N, C-alpha and C. Protein backbone atom coordinates (compact mmCIF):
# COMPACT_ATOMS: atom_id res chain seq x y z
N MET A 1 111.38 67.73 100.12
CA MET A 1 110.09 68.34 100.34
C MET A 1 109.40 68.50 98.99
N ARG A 2 108.10 68.29 98.96
CA ARG A 2 107.32 68.44 97.74
C ARG A 2 107.36 69.88 97.25
N LEU A 3 107.26 70.05 95.94
CA LEU A 3 107.32 71.38 95.32
C LEU A 3 106.20 72.28 95.82
N ASP A 4 104.98 71.78 95.88
CA ASP A 4 103.86 72.63 96.33
C ASP A 4 104.04 73.07 97.78
N LYS A 5 104.53 72.18 98.63
CA LYS A 5 104.76 72.53 100.03
C LYS A 5 105.89 73.55 100.15
N TYR A 6 106.96 73.38 99.36
CA TYR A 6 108.08 74.33 99.39
C TYR A 6 107.61 75.74 99.01
N LEU A 7 106.80 75.83 97.97
CA LEU A 7 106.31 77.14 97.53
C LEU A 7 105.49 77.81 98.62
N LYS A 8 104.74 77.03 99.39
CA LYS A 8 103.94 77.58 100.49
C LYS A 8 104.80 77.95 101.68
N VAL A 9 105.68 77.06 102.12
CA VAL A 9 106.51 77.30 103.31
C VAL A 9 107.44 78.50 103.08
N SER A 10 107.99 78.61 101.87
CA SER A 10 108.90 79.72 101.57
C SER A 10 108.14 81.02 101.29
N ARG A 11 106.82 80.93 101.23
CA ARG A 11 105.93 82.06 100.99
C ARG A 11 106.11 82.69 99.61
N ILE A 12 106.56 81.88 98.65
CA ILE A 12 106.57 82.33 97.26
C ILE A 12 105.13 82.39 96.76
N ILE A 13 104.34 81.37 97.14
CA ILE A 13 102.90 81.35 96.88
C ILE A 13 102.21 81.22 98.23
N LYS A 14 101.14 81.98 98.45
CA LYS A 14 100.52 82.09 99.77
C LYS A 14 99.89 80.81 100.30
N ARG A 15 99.20 80.04 99.42
CA ARG A 15 98.50 78.85 99.89
C ARG A 15 98.93 77.63 99.10
N ARG A 16 98.94 76.49 99.77
CA ARG A 16 99.39 75.25 99.13
C ARG A 16 98.44 74.83 98.01
N THR A 17 97.16 75.06 98.17
CA THR A 17 96.21 74.69 97.11
C THR A 17 96.46 75.52 95.86
N VAL A 18 96.82 76.78 96.03
CA VAL A 18 97.14 77.64 94.88
C VAL A 18 98.42 77.14 94.21
N ALA A 19 99.41 76.75 95.02
CA ALA A 19 100.65 76.20 94.48
C ALA A 19 100.38 74.90 93.73
N ASN A 20 99.52 74.07 94.28
CA ASN A 20 99.16 72.81 93.63
C ASN A 20 98.46 73.06 92.30
N ASP A 21 97.53 74.04 92.28
CA ASP A 21 96.82 74.39 91.05
C ASP A 21 97.78 74.93 89.99
N ALA A 22 98.76 75.74 90.41
CA ALA A 22 99.75 76.29 89.47
C ALA A 22 100.58 75.16 88.85
N CYS A 23 100.93 74.18 89.65
CA CYS A 23 101.69 73.03 89.15
C CYS A 23 100.83 72.21 88.17
N ASP A 24 99.56 71.99 88.52
CA ASP A 24 98.66 71.23 87.65
C ASP A 24 98.44 71.94 86.31
N ALA A 25 98.45 73.28 86.33
CA ALA A 25 98.24 74.06 85.11
C ALA A 25 99.53 74.24 84.32
N LYS A 26 100.61 73.61 84.78
CA LYS A 26 101.92 73.64 84.11
C LYS A 26 102.52 75.05 84.05
N HIS A 27 102.31 75.82 85.13
CA HIS A 27 102.88 77.16 85.24
C HIS A 27 104.19 77.15 86.02
N VAL A 28 104.58 76.00 86.56
CA VAL A 28 105.78 75.90 87.39
C VAL A 28 106.76 74.92 86.74
N SER A 29 108.01 75.39 86.57
CA SER A 29 109.04 74.49 86.05
C SER A 29 110.25 74.55 86.97
N VAL A 30 110.97 73.45 87.02
CA VAL A 30 112.19 73.35 87.84
C VAL A 30 113.32 72.94 86.91
N ASN A 31 114.39 73.73 86.93
CA ASN A 31 115.56 73.48 86.08
C ASN A 31 115.16 73.34 84.60
N GLY A 32 114.20 74.17 84.16
CA GLY A 32 113.81 74.19 82.76
C GLY A 32 112.81 73.14 82.34
N LYS A 33 112.31 72.33 83.27
CA LYS A 33 111.36 71.27 82.94
C LYS A 33 110.10 71.43 83.79
N VAL A 34 108.94 71.38 83.14
CA VAL A 34 107.67 71.48 83.87
C VAL A 34 107.57 70.32 84.85
N GLN A 35 107.24 70.63 86.10
CA GLN A 35 107.19 69.59 87.13
C GLN A 35 105.81 69.54 87.79
N ARG A 36 105.51 68.37 88.34
CA ARG A 36 104.28 68.18 89.10
C ARG A 36 104.49 68.65 90.53
N ALA A 37 103.41 68.77 91.29
CA ALA A 37 103.47 69.22 92.68
C ALA A 37 104.25 68.25 93.56
N SER A 38 104.37 67.00 93.14
CA SER A 38 105.04 65.99 93.95
C SER A 38 106.56 65.97 93.76
N TYR A 39 107.10 66.82 92.90
CA TYR A 39 108.55 66.87 92.67
C TYR A 39 109.28 67.19 93.97
N GLU A 40 110.38 66.48 94.24
CA GLU A 40 111.18 66.70 95.45
C GLU A 40 112.19 67.83 95.21
N VAL A 41 112.01 68.93 95.92
CA VAL A 41 112.87 70.11 95.78
C VAL A 41 114.18 69.88 96.52
N LYS A 42 115.30 70.30 95.88
CA LYS A 42 116.62 70.19 96.48
C LYS A 42 117.31 71.55 96.41
N PRO A 43 118.23 71.84 97.33
CA PRO A 43 119.00 73.09 97.23
C PRO A 43 119.74 73.14 95.90
N GLY A 44 119.72 74.31 95.27
CA GLY A 44 120.37 74.48 93.98
C GLY A 44 119.40 74.44 92.81
N ASP A 45 118.17 73.95 93.04
CA ASP A 45 117.16 73.93 91.98
C ASP A 45 116.76 75.36 91.60
N ILE A 46 116.44 75.56 90.33
CA ILE A 46 115.94 76.84 89.84
C ILE A 46 114.46 76.65 89.53
N ILE A 47 113.60 77.37 90.26
CA ILE A 47 112.16 77.29 90.07
C ILE A 47 111.71 78.49 89.25
N GLU A 48 110.93 78.23 88.21
CA GLU A 48 110.41 79.30 87.35
C GLU A 48 108.89 79.23 87.38
N ILE A 49 108.25 80.35 87.73
CA ILE A 49 106.79 80.40 87.83
C ILE A 49 106.27 81.45 86.86
N THR A 50 105.27 81.06 86.07
CA THR A 50 104.66 81.97 85.11
C THR A 50 103.30 82.40 85.63
N PHE A 51 103.15 83.73 85.86
CA PHE A 51 101.87 84.31 86.26
C PHE A 51 101.45 85.22 85.11
N GLY A 52 100.61 84.73 84.22
CA GLY A 52 100.22 85.52 83.06
C GLY A 52 101.44 85.82 82.20
N ALA A 53 101.76 87.11 82.02
CA ALA A 53 102.93 87.50 81.23
C ALA A 53 104.19 87.60 82.09
N ASN A 54 104.03 87.58 83.42
CA ASN A 54 105.18 87.68 84.32
C ASN A 54 105.82 86.32 84.54
N VAL A 55 107.14 86.30 84.50
CA VAL A 55 107.90 85.08 84.78
C VAL A 55 108.84 85.39 85.93
N SER A 56 108.74 84.62 87.02
CA SER A 56 109.61 84.82 88.18
C SER A 56 110.50 83.60 88.33
N LYS A 57 111.79 83.86 88.61
CA LYS A 57 112.75 82.77 88.81
C LYS A 57 113.31 82.85 90.22
N PHE A 58 113.45 81.68 90.84
CA PHE A 58 113.97 81.59 92.20
C PHE A 58 114.98 80.46 92.27
N GLU A 59 116.06 80.68 93.03
CA GLU A 59 117.02 79.61 93.30
C GLU A 59 116.77 79.12 94.71
N VAL A 60 116.66 77.81 94.87
CA VAL A 60 116.43 77.20 96.18
C VAL A 60 117.75 77.21 96.95
N LEU A 61 117.77 77.89 98.10
CA LEU A 61 118.97 77.93 98.93
C LEU A 61 118.92 76.89 100.05
N SER A 62 117.75 76.68 100.62
CA SER A 62 117.60 75.68 101.68
C SER A 62 116.18 75.14 101.67
N VAL A 63 116.02 73.96 102.26
CA VAL A 63 114.72 73.30 102.35
C VAL A 63 114.44 73.04 103.82
N ASN A 64 113.48 73.79 104.38
CA ASN A 64 113.11 73.64 105.79
C ASN A 64 111.65 73.27 105.88
N GLU A 65 111.31 72.38 106.82
CA GLU A 65 109.92 71.97 106.99
C GLU A 65 109.03 73.13 107.45
N TYR A 66 109.58 74.01 108.27
CA TYR A 66 108.84 75.14 108.80
C TYR A 66 109.69 76.39 108.66
N ALA A 67 109.05 77.53 108.49
CA ALA A 67 109.78 78.79 108.40
C ALA A 67 108.90 79.90 108.95
N THR A 68 109.53 80.77 109.74
CA THR A 68 108.80 81.94 110.22
C THR A 68 108.75 82.96 109.10
N LYS A 69 107.97 84.00 109.29
CA LYS A 69 107.83 85.04 108.29
C LYS A 69 109.19 85.65 107.95
N GLU A 70 110.04 85.84 108.95
CA GLU A 70 111.35 86.45 108.76
C GLU A 70 112.31 85.50 108.06
N ASN A 71 112.25 84.21 108.37
CA ASN A 71 113.19 83.23 107.83
C ASN A 71 112.78 82.70 106.45
N ALA A 72 111.55 82.90 106.05
CA ALA A 72 111.07 82.35 104.78
C ALA A 72 111.86 82.92 103.60
N SER A 73 112.21 84.18 103.64
CA SER A 73 112.92 84.80 102.52
C SER A 73 114.37 84.29 102.41
N LEU A 74 114.87 83.64 103.45
CA LEU A 74 116.23 83.09 103.41
C LEU A 74 116.28 81.73 102.72
N MET A 75 115.13 81.16 102.40
CA MET A 75 115.06 79.84 101.77
C MET A 75 115.31 79.90 100.26
N PHE A 76 115.22 81.11 99.66
CA PHE A 76 115.37 81.24 98.22
C PHE A 76 116.02 82.58 97.88
N ARG A 77 116.49 82.66 96.64
CA ARG A 77 117.04 83.91 96.11
C ARG A 77 116.35 84.17 94.79
N GLN A 78 115.78 85.38 94.64
CA GLN A 78 115.10 85.71 93.39
C GLN A 78 116.13 86.08 92.33
N LEU A 79 115.96 85.54 91.14
CA LEU A 79 116.89 85.78 90.03
C LEU A 79 116.32 86.78 89.05
């Protein structure tokens, strides 16, 4: 699954366009390397997102095409 879609489906970022913009602005890195929105996310990847001075890290636990509000938080673990 694409990085921007994963961020939206897992509800880490609310909208896919916002996730895409964050990737374009180089605020999103995977496993320590800045990635584009088209990067294919795999379980075990570490996603790091920079929002201003805040840095959030997430470990990808599963990749699902769809997720309900309750199941979205099971797709990742915050580090």
